[in-house]
Structures are given as structure tokens and as C-alpha cells.
Amino acid sequence: MIGQEVIYSNDTWNILKSKRKKALDVMETLGGLSLNLLVVGSIARGDVREESDIDIVITEYPQPYKVEILLGRRGYRIYRKVIVQATPSYTPKAYLYLDPYDEIVVSFPLSRLKPREIEFYKWGGCINYKEIEDNKRVPGINKELKVIIPTEFGHMEYPIFGMEGKISKILKISISTIMERERVLTRRKELGRTGVFLEYEINADEPIESAIKKLSRNNVYFRRAISS
């Protein structure tokens, strides 16, 4: 693979440290759920920018009201609540945005994730609380569809097209998952929001549980997905 080396500036390291500190605080807040928590994306890989999201994932279905209660007790305000179903066959997820700039987001599935959907988190790179404390960085694929491999001073990056076999070994996910993500994300990049099957903005005063019931009544694909 012919790649490019990127050396991080002091600013990049400081941004990474600051964003990981924010992630740890949210993860501590949600620790009472006793469910698996991950940080995914650039915060896990290390290739952060000032505008990078802090994407915290609960990989198991929690009771949504408990998530909101725990966040509220710690003083977090939920600015937006959105339910997204990427395709008719994918598990729907709820997204809670904890700041007005959509920097910090907590997401969780509304049903049991399929094995391939769990692999999706490895696609972008994911780490848990302990790994953040240990300053671990992991490989993953960024929004430009390049694989990021951490190094001591920054990272190496390689385009993924034509290198799927090697990348599956690096990320420890199946080639079929890599091919599917390539297809879905390339299409979504071309189509924008229309590339997402369902996106439902929940009113601020509406419980997530109520929104789930409403969507279940009105959308057969959503109903099937949360029942599987």
C-alpha cells in the first residue's frame, strides 16, 4: 500500500486530549446503565480536528428514559433527539445531541444489533473507557474513505479502494462488511440526506418511547426492524 504519513501538531494532540476528556465525562455519567460504551471515529483513531464530533455509542438497547435521566442528573441538556434508520433492514438508532453545535452525541440502538452492525463500529475505529484512559489509539476508516493507522507521531493513511483484503485484516472485520460500507457511504455521499431511509426529529418534550410507538404504527419497515 502506498500511503501518506501525517505528523500531528501540538494543537492536534491538545484537541484530542480535550475531546477525550469530554467523552470520559459522558461515559462516567452513563456508567450506571451497566451497558457497553464506546467512543467511535476520529476520537478513537486520533486524527481529530477542532470540529470533530465526540461520538459515544451504547451498543446495547437501554431504556431510553434512563439515558435521559442520567444525563440530566449530571447537568447535560439534550438539545436534539433524532431517530435514524439508515436502510429498511438496518437497526434504527436514537441520537441525543448534548450541545448546540452537535459536537457531543450519544447514540444507541432501538433493538439488538446484528453482528455486521457491530462490525460497523470497528470500521470507523472504536475504544472503551479503559482504552481512553490508557491513551490507546486504533485504526479505522475516516469520512474520506481512507484507513487511518496510528503511529507514534501521528498516523499513516491509505485509500481503501482496491485494498479491501488488507484492510479487513487491519481492522479485523469481514471483507463483506467493508464492501457494504463502501457502497452505502459512497451512495450517501452522492445523495446526501436522501441516502438515509428514515430520519425523525423528536420534539423536545416528546419521550423517545412515544416516538418509537408512533413510528412503529406508521412505518412497517421500522416496526419490523425493532421487532427482530
Protein backbone atom coordinates (compact mmCIF):
# COMPACT_ATOMS: atom_id res chain seq x y z
CA MET A 1 0.00 0.00 0.00
CA ILE A 2 1.26 3.47 -0.92
CA GLY A 3 0.30 5.80 1.87
CA GLN A 4 0.90 9.22 3.32
CA GLU A 5 2.36 10.00 6.73
CA VAL A 6 0.73 12.74 8.80
CA ILE A 7 2.64 14.24 11.75
CA TYR A 8 0.40 15.80 14.40
CA SER A 9 0.99 19.31 15.70
CA ASN A 10 0.77 20.20 19.38
CA ASP A 11 -2.67 21.65 18.60
CA THR A 12 -3.90 18.27 17.33
CA TRP A 13 -2.66 16.45 20.44
CA ASN A 14 -4.31 19.08 22.67
CA ILE A 15 -7.62 18.82 20.77
CA LEU A 16 -7.52 15.04 21.13
CA LYS A 17 -6.84 15.30 24.87
CA SER A 18 -9.67 17.81 25.36
CA LYS A 19 -12.24 15.84 23.38
CA ARG A 20 -11.33 12.58 25.09
CA LYS A 21 -11.78 14.26 28.48
CA LYS A 22 -15.30 15.30 27.45
CA ALA A 23 -16.00 11.77 26.23
CA LEU A 24 -14.87 10.25 29.53
CA ASP A 25 -17.18 12.56 31.47
CA VAL A 26 -20.21 11.46 29.43
CA MET A 27 -19.20 7.79 29.72
CA GLU A 28 -18.89 8.14 33.51
CA THR A 29 -22.36 9.69 33.53
CA LEU A 30 -23.82 6.71 31.65
CA GLY A 31 -21.91 4.10 33.62
CA GLY A 32 -24.98 3.47 35.75
CA LEU A 33 -26.62 1.74 32.79
CA SER A 34 -24.13 -1.15 33.14
CA LEU A 35 -24.05 -1.45 29.34
CA ASN A 36 -21.16 -1.45 26.87
CA LEU A 37 -20.00 2.07 25.98
CA LEU A 38 -17.66 3.01 23.13
CA VAL A 39 -16.22 6.13 21.56
CA VAL A 40 -16.09 5.79 17.78
CA GLY A 41 -14.48 7.70 14.94
CA SER A 42 -11.64 10.21 14.99
CA ILE A 43 -11.57 10.40 18.79
CA ALA A 44 -10.67 6.69 18.77
CA ARG A 45 -8.22 6.97 15.85
CA GLY A 46 -6.58 10.25 16.86
CA ASP A 47 -6.95 12.21 13.61
CA VAL A 48 -9.09 14.92 15.20
CA ARG A 49 -9.92 18.43 14.14
CA GLU A 50 -11.49 21.26 16.11
CA GLU A 51 -14.87 20.42 14.55
CA SER A 52 -14.65 16.64 15.12
CA ASP A 53 -17.68 15.01 16.74
CA ILE A 54 -17.46 13.22 20.08
CA ASP A 55 -19.46 10.15 19.16
CA ILE A 56 -20.38 7.97 22.16
CA VAL A 57 -22.21 4.72 21.46
CA ILE A 58 -24.21 2.44 23.75
CA THR A 59 -24.02 -0.84 21.85
CA GLU A 60 -26.99 -2.45 23.60
CA TYR A 61 -30.58 -1.26 23.79
CA PRO A 62 -31.16 0.70 27.02
CA GLN A 63 -34.42 2.04 28.33
CA PRO A 64 -34.31 5.49 26.69
CA TYR A 65 -35.79 7.36 29.64
CA LYS A 66 -32.95 6.11 31.86
CA VAL A 67 -30.39 7.58 29.46
CA GLU A 68 -32.12 10.95 29.62
CA ILE A 69 -32.42 10.82 33.42
CA LEU A 70 -28.72 10.04 33.90
CA LEU A 71 -27.65 12.82 31.56
CA GLY A 72 -29.99 15.30 33.24
CA ARG A 73 -28.71 14.47 36.72
CA ARG A 74 -25.17 15.31 35.59
CA GLY A 75 -26.33 18.63 34.18
CA TYR A 76 -26.34 17.72 30.49
CA ARG A 77 -29.01 19.33 28.37
CA ILE A 78 -30.33 17.40 25.37
CA TYR A 79 -30.57 19.91 22.52
CA ARG A 80 -31.85 17.49 19.88
CA LYS A 81 -33.24 13.95 19.74
CA VAL A 82 -33.29 12.11 16.41
CA ILE A 83 -34.19 8.57 15.35
CA VAL A 84 -32.34 7.33 12.25
CA GLN A 85 -32.76 4.14 10.26
CA ALA A 86 -30.08 4.04 7.56
CA THR A 87 -31.80 1.40 5.38
CA PRO A 88 -35.02 -0.64 5.77
CA SER A 89 -33.00 -3.63 7.03
CA TYR A 90 -30.76 -1.76 9.49
CA THR A 91 -31.48 -1.44 13.20
CA PRO A 92 -32.89 2.04 14.00
CA LYS A 93 -30.87 4.17 16.41
CA ALA A 94 -31.61 7.14 18.64
CA TYR A 95 -29.19 10.09 18.69
CA LEU A 96 -29.06 12.57 21.57
CA TYR A 97 -27.12 15.80 20.93
CA LEU A 98 -25.71 17.35 24.09
CA ASP A 99 -24.64 20.77 22.85
CA PRO A 100 -25.97 23.37 20.39
CA TYR A 101 -23.21 22.65 17.87
CA ASP A 102 -23.85 18.88 17.60
CA GLU A 103 -20.32 18.21 18.86
CA ILE A 104 -21.23 15.64 21.54
CA VAL A 105 -23.68 12.90 20.60
CA VAL A 106 -24.84 9.79 22.42
CA SER A 107 -26.44 7.07 20.31
CA PHE A 108 -27.97 3.68 20.99
CA PRO A 109 -29.85 1.01 19.01
CA LEU A 110 -33.58 0.56 19.39
CA SER A 111 -33.25 -3.21 19.07
CA ARG A 112 -30.49 -5.83 19.15
CA LEU A 113 -27.68 -5.02 16.71
CA LYS A 114 -26.84 -7.56 14.05
CA PRO A 115 -23.25 -8.91 14.06
CA ARG A 116 -22.40 -6.91 10.94
CA GLU A 117 -23.74 -3.71 12.52
CA ILE A 118 -21.41 -4.25 15.48
CA GLU A 119 -18.55 -4.52 12.98
CA PHE A 120 -19.53 -1.09 11.64
CA TYR A 121 -18.09 0.49 14.78
CA LYS A 122 -14.73 -1.19 14.11
CA TRP A 123 -14.92 0.26 10.60
CA GLY A 124 -14.51 3.78 11.98
CA GLY A 125 -12.40 2.74 14.97
CA CYS A 126 -13.75 2.31 18.49
CA ILE A 127 -12.36 2.25 22.02
CA ASN A 128 -13.79 1.85 25.51
CA TYR A 129 -13.34 3.86 28.71
CA LYS A 130 -10.24 1.99 29.88
CA GLU A 131 -8.57 2.31 26.48
CA ILE A 132 -9.10 6.07 26.53
CA GLU A 133 -7.51 6.24 29.98
CA ASP A 134 -4.56 4.25 28.60
CA ASN A 135 -4.17 6.74 25.69
CA LYS A 136 -4.78 3.99 23.15
CA ARG A 137 -5.47 4.86 19.51
CA VAL A 138 -6.82 2.36 16.99
CA PRO A 139 -7.03 2.10 13.20
CA GLY A 140 -10.24 2.95 11.38
CA ILE A 141 -11.66 4.50 8.23
CA ASN A 142 -12.45 8.21 8.02
CA LYS A 143 -15.13 10.10 6.10
CA GLU A 144 -12.83 10.45 3.08
CA LEU A 145 -12.75 6.62 2.91
CA LYS A 146 -9.10 6.39 3.91
CA VAL A 147 -7.82 3.95 6.51
CA ILE A 148 -6.04 5.71 9.38
CA ILE A 149 -3.29 3.75 11.14
CA PRO A 150 -1.91 5.45 14.27
CA THR A 151 1.84 5.96 14.67
CA GLU A 152 3.91 7.40 17.49
CA PHE A 153 3.91 10.88 15.98
CA GLY A 154 0.59 10.89 14.11
CA HIS A 155 -0.75 8.42 11.57
CA MET A 156 -0.36 6.78 8.18
CA GLU A 157 -3.31 6.98 5.80
CA TYR A 158 -4.17 4.86 2.77
CA PRO A 159 -7.09 4.86 0.30
CA ILE A 160 -9.27 1.82 0.84
CA PHE A 161 -10.40 1.09 -2.72
CA GLY A 162 -8.65 -1.97 -4.09
CA MET A 163 -7.10 -2.72 -0.68
CA GLU A 164 -10.13 -4.30 1.00
CA GLY A 165 -8.39 -7.59 1.81
CA LYS A 166 -5.50 -5.97 3.67
CA ILE A 167 -7.79 -3.51 5.42
CA SER A 168 -10.08 -6.29 6.66
CA LYS A 169 -7.08 -7.82 8.43
CA ILE A 170 -6.01 -4.48 9.90
CA LEU A 171 -9.49 -3.70 11.24
CA LYS A 172 -10.36 -7.34 11.99
CA ILE A 173 -13.68 -7.15 10.18
CA SER A 174 -15.04 -9.11 7.22
CA ILE A 175 -14.44 -8.07 3.64
CA SER A 176 -18.21 -8.19 3.07
CA THR A 177 -18.67 -5.53 5.77
CA ILE A 178 -16.03 -3.35 4.14
CA MET A 179 -17.67 -3.69 0.72
CA GLU A 180 -21.09 -2.88 2.15
CA ARG A 181 -19.85 0.21 3.97
CA GLU A 182 -18.07 1.38 0.82
CA ARG A 183 -21.29 1.03 -1.16
CA VAL A 184 -23.59 2.64 1.41
CA LEU A 185 -21.30 5.56 2.30
CA THR A 186 -20.39 6.30 -1.32
CA ARG A 187 -24.09 6.40 -2.21
CA ARG A 188 -24.90 8.55 0.81
CA LYS A 189 -22.10 10.95 -0.09
CA GLU A 190 -23.62 11.33 -3.55
CA LEU A 191 -27.24 11.65 -2.40
CA GLY A 192 -26.84 13.44 0.95
CA ARG A 193 -29.74 13.11 3.37
CA THR A 194 -31.84 11.27 0.79
CA GLY A 195 -29.39 8.39 1.18
CA VAL A 196 -30.86 7.71 4.66
CA PHE A 197 -34.07 5.65 4.74
CA LEU A 198 -35.62 7.30 7.83
CA GLU A 199 -34.73 10.35 9.89
CA TYR A 200 -37.22 11.53 12.51
CA GLU A 201 -36.64 14.60 14.67
CA ILE A 202 -38.26 14.15 18.09
CA ASN A 203 -39.90 17.13 19.75
CA ALA A 204 -38.05 18.33 22.82
CA ASP A 205 -40.93 17.44 25.16
CA GLU A 206 -41.70 14.09 23.49
CA PRO A 207 -40.34 10.95 25.16
CA ILE A 208 -38.27 8.72 22.91
CA GLU A 209 -40.55 5.82 23.79
CA SER A 210 -43.52 7.76 22.42
CA ALA A 211 -41.70 8.47 19.16
CA ILE A 212 -40.83 4.77 18.81
CA LYS A 213 -44.53 3.83 19.18
CA LYS A 214 -45.56 6.44 16.62
CA LEU A 215 -43.02 5.28 14.05
CA SER A 216 -43.96 1.64 14.68
CA ARG A 217 -47.60 2.41 13.82
CA ASN A 218 -46.76 4.35 10.68
CA ASN A 219 -43.75 2.54 9.17
CA VAL A 220 -43.78 -1.20 8.60
CA TYR A 221 -40.01 -1.38 7.99
CA PHE A 222 -39.27 0.41 11.24
CA ARG A 223 -41.69 -1.87 13.07
CA ARG A 224 -40.06 -4.98 11.63
CA ALA A 225 -36.57 -3.73 12.47
CA ILE A 226 -37.27 -3.11 16.15
CA SER A 227 -39.16 -6.40 16.46
CA SER A 228 -36.36 -8.58 15.07
